[in-house]
Protein backbone atom coordinates (compact mmCIF):
# COMPACT_ATOMS: atom_id res chain seq x y z
CA MET A 1 -0.31 -0.02 0.30
CA ARG A 2 1.22 3.36 -1.00
CA THR A 3 0.17 6.92 0.32
CA THR A 4 0.08 9.97 -0.25
CA GLY A 5 -0.45 13.13 0.44
CA GLU A 6 -0.18 15.11 -3.18
CA THR A 7 -3.06 17.49 -4.57
CA LEU A 8 -5.43 14.79 -3.31
CA HIS A 9 -5.15 12.65 -0.90
CA HIS A 10 -4.74 8.66 -2.20
CA VAL A 11 -4.25 5.53 -1.15
CA GLU A 12 -2.48 3.12 -3.67
CA PHE A 13 -2.66 -0.81 -4.15
CA GLY A 14 -0.27 -2.87 -6.78
CA GLN A 15 1.80 -2.11 -9.69
CA GLY A 16 0.57 -1.99 -13.94
CA ILE A 17 -2.51 -0.32 -15.32
CA PRO A 18 -3.71 2.55 -13.05
CA VAL A 19 -7.55 1.64 -12.81
CA LEU A 20 -9.40 5.15 -10.46
CA LEU A 21 -12.12 4.58 -7.82
CA VAL A 22 -14.24 7.82 -6.98
CA HIS A 23 -16.85 7.25 -4.48
CA GLY A 24 -19.88 9.14 -4.21
CA PHE A 25 -21.17 12.55 -2.12
CA THR A 26 -19.83 13.02 1.85
CA VAL A 27 -18.31 9.54 2.01
CA ASP A 28 -14.03 9.02 1.39
CA HIS A 29 -12.67 6.24 -0.57
CA ARG A 30 -12.98 3.61 2.49
CA LEU A 31 -16.40 3.04 0.54
CA MET A 32 -14.50 1.60 -2.20
CA LEU A 33 -12.21 -0.64 -1.00
CA PRO A 34 -14.46 -4.01 -0.63
CA LEU A 35 -13.98 -4.44 -4.86
CA GLU A 36 -10.07 -4.39 -3.37
CA PRO A 37 -11.03 -8.47 -3.69
CA ALA A 38 -12.03 -8.40 -6.98
CA PHE A 39 -8.16 -7.81 -7.36
CA THR A 40 -6.63 -11.06 -5.88
CA ASP A 41 -5.85 -13.01 -8.84
CA ARG A 42 -5.80 -10.61 -11.16
CA PRO A 43 -2.24 -8.91 -10.72
CA GLY A 44 -0.97 -5.74 -12.73
CA TRP A 45 -4.06 -3.10 -11.59
CA ARG A 46 -2.39 -0.20 -9.98
CA ARG A 47 -5.15 0.56 -8.25
CA VAL A 48 -5.68 3.91 -6.92
CA TYR A 49 -8.49 5.21 -4.53
CA VAL A 50 -9.29 8.90 -4.26
CA ASP A 51 -10.46 11.30 -2.20
CA LEU A 52 -12.42 13.51 -3.97
CA PRO A 53 -11.93 17.71 -2.27
CA GLY A 54 -13.31 17.97 1.12
CA SER A 55 -13.64 14.61 1.91
CA GLY A 56 -11.12 11.87 3.70
CA ARG A 57 -8.17 13.21 3.83
CA SER A 58 -7.84 15.50 1.01
CA PRO A 59 -7.98 19.89 1.27
CA ARG A 60 -11.19 21.49 0.60
CA LEU A 61 -12.12 23.41 -2.83
CA PRO A 62 -11.50 27.15 -2.46
CA ALA A 63 -15.47 28.93 -2.68
CA PRO A 64 -17.47 28.07 -4.73
CA VAL A 65 -17.93 24.84 -4.72
CA THR A 66 -19.41 22.64 -7.35
CA ALA A 67 -19.76 19.33 -9.35
CA ASP A 68 -18.02 21.34 -12.19
CA ARG A 69 -15.07 22.55 -10.38
CA THR A 70 -14.34 18.56 -8.61
CA ALA A 71 -14.34 17.45 -11.77
CA ALA A 72 -11.89 19.58 -12.66
CA ALA A 73 -10.39 18.93 -9.58
CA LEU A 74 -10.26 14.38 -10.39
CA LEU A 75 -8.23 16.07 -13.82
CA ALA A 76 -5.99 17.66 -12.53
CA PHE A 77 -5.33 15.00 -10.09
CA ILE A 78 -5.44 12.24 -13.32
CA ASP A 79 -2.51 14.99 -14.69
CA GLU A 80 -0.84 14.62 -12.00
CA VAL A 81 -1.11 11.11 -10.57
CA ILE A 82 -1.73 8.86 -14.25
CA GLY A 83 -0.57 11.24 -16.88
CA ARG A 84 -0.80 9.86 -20.00
CA GLU A 85 -1.09 6.22 -19.28
CA ARG A 86 -4.20 4.70 -20.42
CA PHE A 87 -6.20 4.03 -17.69
CA ALA A 88 -9.72 2.65 -16.32
CA ILE A 89 -12.19 4.32 -13.92
CA VAL A 90 -14.77 3.11 -11.61
CA GLY A 91 -17.15 5.63 -10.10
CA MET A 92 -20.36 5.44 -7.66
CA SER A 93 -23.28 7.30 -7.08
CA PHE A 94 -22.11 10.57 -7.82
CA GLY A 95 -17.80 10.06 -8.82
CA GLY A 96 -20.39 7.97 -11.74
CA GLN A 97 -21.37 11.62 -12.99
CA LEU A 98 -18.44 12.66 -11.97
CA VAL A 99 -15.89 9.88 -14.49
CA ARG A 100 -17.92 10.32 -17.22
CA HIS A 101 -17.07 13.59 -17.26
CA VAL A 102 -13.78 12.26 -17.51
CA ILE A 103 -15.08 10.11 -20.26
CA ALA A 104 -15.88 13.31 -22.36
CA GLU A 105 -12.60 14.93 -22.26
CA LEU A 106 -9.58 11.97 -22.07
CA GLY A 107 -12.10 9.00 -23.81
CA GLY A 108 -8.99 8.01 -25.60
CA GLN A 109 -6.96 7.37 -22.51
CA VAL A 110 -9.71 5.67 -20.96
CA THR A 111 -9.82 1.66 -21.71
CA GLY A 112 -12.39 0.55 -19.88
CA MET A 113 -15.56 2.36 -17.17
CA CYS A 114 -17.32 0.63 -14.74
CA LEU A 115 -19.73 2.94 -12.87
CA ILE A 116 -22.05 1.82 -9.81
CA ALA A 117 -24.81 3.21 -9.39
CA PRO A 118 -24.81 6.57 -10.64
CA VAL A 119 -26.13 8.92 -10.52
CA VAL A 120 -28.06 10.14 -13.90
CA ALA A 121 -30.88 12.12 -13.25
CA PRO A 122 -30.93 15.74 -10.81
CA PRO A 123 -32.60 15.22 -7.29
CA GLY A 124 -36.03 15.49 -7.91
CA ARG A 125 -36.74 14.08 -11.35
CA ARG A 126 -34.91 11.02 -10.72
CA ASP A 127 -37.51 7.87 -11.42
CA LEU A 128 -37.26 6.37 -8.08
CA PRO A 129 -38.19 3.02 -6.57
CA ALA A 130 -40.34 2.93 -3.23
CA ARG A 131 -38.48 2.71 -0.09
CA GLN A 132 -38.07 -0.60 1.04
CA VAL A 133 -36.34 -2.75 4.17
CA LEU A 134 -35.36 -6.10 3.10
CA ALA A 135 -35.04 -7.11 6.84
CA ARG A 136 -34.90 -5.51 10.06
CA ASP A 137 -33.10 -5.66 13.55
CA ASP A 138 -34.78 -3.50 15.43
CA GLY A 139 -32.24 -4.63 18.54
CA LEU A 140 -29.48 -3.35 16.48
CA LEU A 141 -30.94 -0.06 15.75
CA ALA A 142 -31.85 0.48 19.46
CA SER A 143 -28.24 -0.17 20.37
CA LEU A 144 -26.65 1.44 17.65
CA ASP A 145 -25.43 5.69 19.15
CA PRO A 146 -28.44 8.53 17.57
CA ASP A 147 -26.32 9.72 14.81
CA ASP A 148 -24.94 6.48 13.35
CA ARG A 149 -28.41 4.86 13.62
CA ALA A 150 -29.64 7.24 11.30
CA ASP A 151 -27.11 7.39 9.15
CA PHE A 152 -27.70 3.58 8.68
CA SER A 153 -30.49 3.55 8.41
CA GLU A 154 -31.70 6.57 5.70
CA VAL A 155 -29.53 4.31 3.24
CA ALA A 156 -29.87 1.10 4.72
CA VAL A 157 -32.27 -2.34 2.59
CA TRP A 158 -30.75 -4.56 5.06
CA GLN A 159 -30.34 -3.48 8.43
CA THR A 160 -29.51 -6.12 10.53
CA ALA A 161 -25.63 -7.20 11.95
CA THR A 162 -24.48 -8.03 8.67
CA GLY A 163 -25.37 -4.64 6.77
CA TRP A 164 -24.39 -2.36 9.89
CA ALA A 165 -20.54 -3.98 10.13
CA ALA A 166 -20.30 -3.45 6.56
CA PHE A 167 -22.09 0.18 6.71
CA ARG A 168 -19.77 0.99 9.94
CA ASP A 169 -16.47 -0.39 8.24
CA HIS A 170 -16.63 1.31 4.06
CA ALA A 171 -19.96 4.79 4.55
CA LEU A 172 -18.84 5.56 7.87
CA PRO A 173 -16.01 7.03 8.70
CA GLY A 174 -16.35 8.87 5.43
CA LEU A 175 -19.68 10.63 7.04
CA ARG A 176 -17.43 11.66 9.70
CA ALA A 177 -14.39 12.65 7.95
CA HIS A 178 -16.01 15.50 4.76
CA HIS A 179 -16.63 18.93 5.41
CA ARG A 180 -20.00 19.68 6.50
CA GLY A 181 -20.67 23.37 4.56
CA ASP A 182 -18.41 22.04 1.53
CA ALA A 183 -21.29 20.46 1.14
CA GLN A 184 -24.46 22.22 1.86
CA ALA A 185 -22.11 24.12 -1.47
CA LEU A 186 -22.23 21.44 -3.13
CA SER A 187 -25.32 19.40 -2.86
CA GLU A 188 -26.89 23.71 -4.60
CA ALA A 189 -24.47 22.75 -7.41
CA TYR A 190 -24.71 19.36 -7.40
CA MET A 191 -24.81 18.28 -11.69
CA LEU A 192 -22.52 18.84 -13.81
CA SER A 193 -23.19 22.15 -15.90
CA VAL A 194 -22.93 19.74 -19.64
CA THR A 195 -24.69 15.95 -19.51
CA PRO A 196 -20.54 14.58 -20.54
CA GLU A 197 -22.91 12.28 -23.19
CA THR A 198 -23.85 14.48 -24.59
CA ARG A 199 -19.81 16.21 -25.63
CA PHE A 200 -19.68 12.79 -27.59
CA THR A 201 -21.40 10.46 -29.92
CA ALA A 202 -20.39 6.90 -27.41
CA HIS A 203 -17.25 5.37 -26.46
CA ASP A 204 -16.31 1.55 -27.13
CA GLY A 205 -14.59 -0.74 -24.95
CA PRO A 206 -15.54 -2.80 -22.45
CA HIS A 207 -18.11 -0.77 -19.79
CA LEU A 208 -19.65 -2.24 -16.99
CA LEU A 209 -23.04 -0.60 -14.60
CA MET A 210 -24.97 -1.85 -11.88
CA THR A 211 -27.30 -0.65 -9.77
CA GLY A 212 -29.81 -2.09 -7.40
CA ARG A 213 -33.36 -2.95 -7.31
CA GLN A 214 -33.92 -1.57 -4.59
CA ASP A 215 -32.04 1.49 -4.26
CA HIS A 216 -34.04 4.90 -3.84
CA VAL A 217 -31.39 7.31 -3.91
CA VAL A 218 -30.75 6.90 -7.61
CA GLY A 219 -33.04 4.62 -8.94
CA TRP A 220 -31.96 2.20 -11.90
CA ARG A 221 -34.59 3.30 -14.89
CA ASP A 222 -32.66 6.86 -15.30
CA GLN A 223 -29.44 4.44 -16.07
CA LEU A 224 -30.56 2.38 -18.53
CA ALA A 225 -30.39 5.86 -21.58
CA LEU A 226 -26.76 5.90 -20.43
CA LEU A 227 -26.26 2.34 -22.90
CA GLU A 228 -26.59 3.44 -25.93
CA HIS A 229 -23.66 6.06 -25.63
CA TYR A 230 -21.80 3.01 -24.46
CA PRO A 231 -22.39 0.09 -27.22
CA ARG A 232 -19.80 -2.42 -24.87
CA MET A 233 -21.70 -1.68 -21.72
CA THR A 234 -23.24 -5.01 -19.34
CA TYR A 235 -25.61 -3.25 -17.05
CA ALA A 236 -27.05 -5.48 -13.80
CA VAL A 237 -29.52 -4.58 -12.11
CA LEU A 238 -28.83 -6.12 -9.15
CA ASP A 239 -32.64 -7.74 -6.74
CA GLY A 240 -31.56 -7.09 -3.05
CA CYS A 241 -29.37 -3.89 -3.01
CA GLY A 242 -30.43 -0.41 -2.36
CA HIS A 243 -27.38 2.36 -2.77
CA ASN A 244 -24.70 0.93 -1.29
CA VAL A 245 -25.05 -1.99 -4.76
CA HIS A 246 -21.26 -3.65 -3.01
CA LEU A 247 -21.26 -3.34 0.05
CA ASP A 248 -25.62 -5.09 -0.98
CA ARG A 249 -24.67 -8.10 -2.65
CA PRO A 250 -20.90 -8.19 -2.95
CA ASP A 251 -20.53 -11.23 -4.52
CA PRO A 252 -22.46 -10.43 -7.77
CA VAL A 253 -20.64 -7.74 -7.35
CA ASN A 254 -17.91 -8.80 -7.47
CA ALA A 255 -18.05 -11.31 -10.10
CA LEU A 256 -19.49 -9.31 -12.66
CA PHE A 257 -16.32 -6.52 -11.69
CA GLY A 258 -13.90 -9.21 -11.91
CA SER A 259 -15.49 -10.16 -15.72
CA TRP A 260 -14.70 -6.50 -16.42
CA LEU A 261 -11.04 -6.52 -15.24
CA ASP A 262 -10.35 -9.37 -17.08
CA ALA A 263 -12.07 -8.05 -20.61
CA MET A 264 -9.95 -4.89 -20.65
CA ALA A 265 -6.94 -7.25 -19.99
CA VAL A 266 -7.96 -8.89 -22.89
CA ALA A 267 -9.08 -5.48 -25.23
């Protein structure tokens, strides 16, 4: 493992082709670490887990804090840490919007993209399923710190000991570390001013899109519109998954993710 403090804080594992993993809103790189098992038997990948501005241990953006300026900071990070190498990219939720911007800017350099529950439509205009909780342990919830319980129960479809352990270890640290004022400012300028796919017709290469059937945060229907721009994209909507798709059903997610890595290795 390597950690560095250049521009944006990031953690690296392995050597080889870079794959940049970008988290979502008000969390940090630790939410993406459960994808690591897919690399266990796949050497040759340099995994770069980044903290976006104002998240984790990364510095804040100067005001104003917007999606456009966050995307620009991510591009500057890529230029500094990856340079002109070919690379793959993974984005979750708000990070899924940002990595599509990277495709629009650096498409010829990007081998492939994986999207996990990506933001496509703005808040208030999303086609969302009804909120569902698939299992609930009231004793567990009662035992939690009230703030932890509120954050967990707001998003989790599996409100059980297993679901709590995954959320506690991977989502909660970032929720406690991000800058609240910057998050509020970003929430008011949350969408990119230009939809990335309006800037190109199609991007070839292996792509993967995974959504949760029970995701009441960004849904799974709006993401279907992306398919026409990525002709080699696999789309999977996984039952038993809320917004944190990879925490809710890690086995099928890692199987799909590993298959995507294999497809890029032979592309």
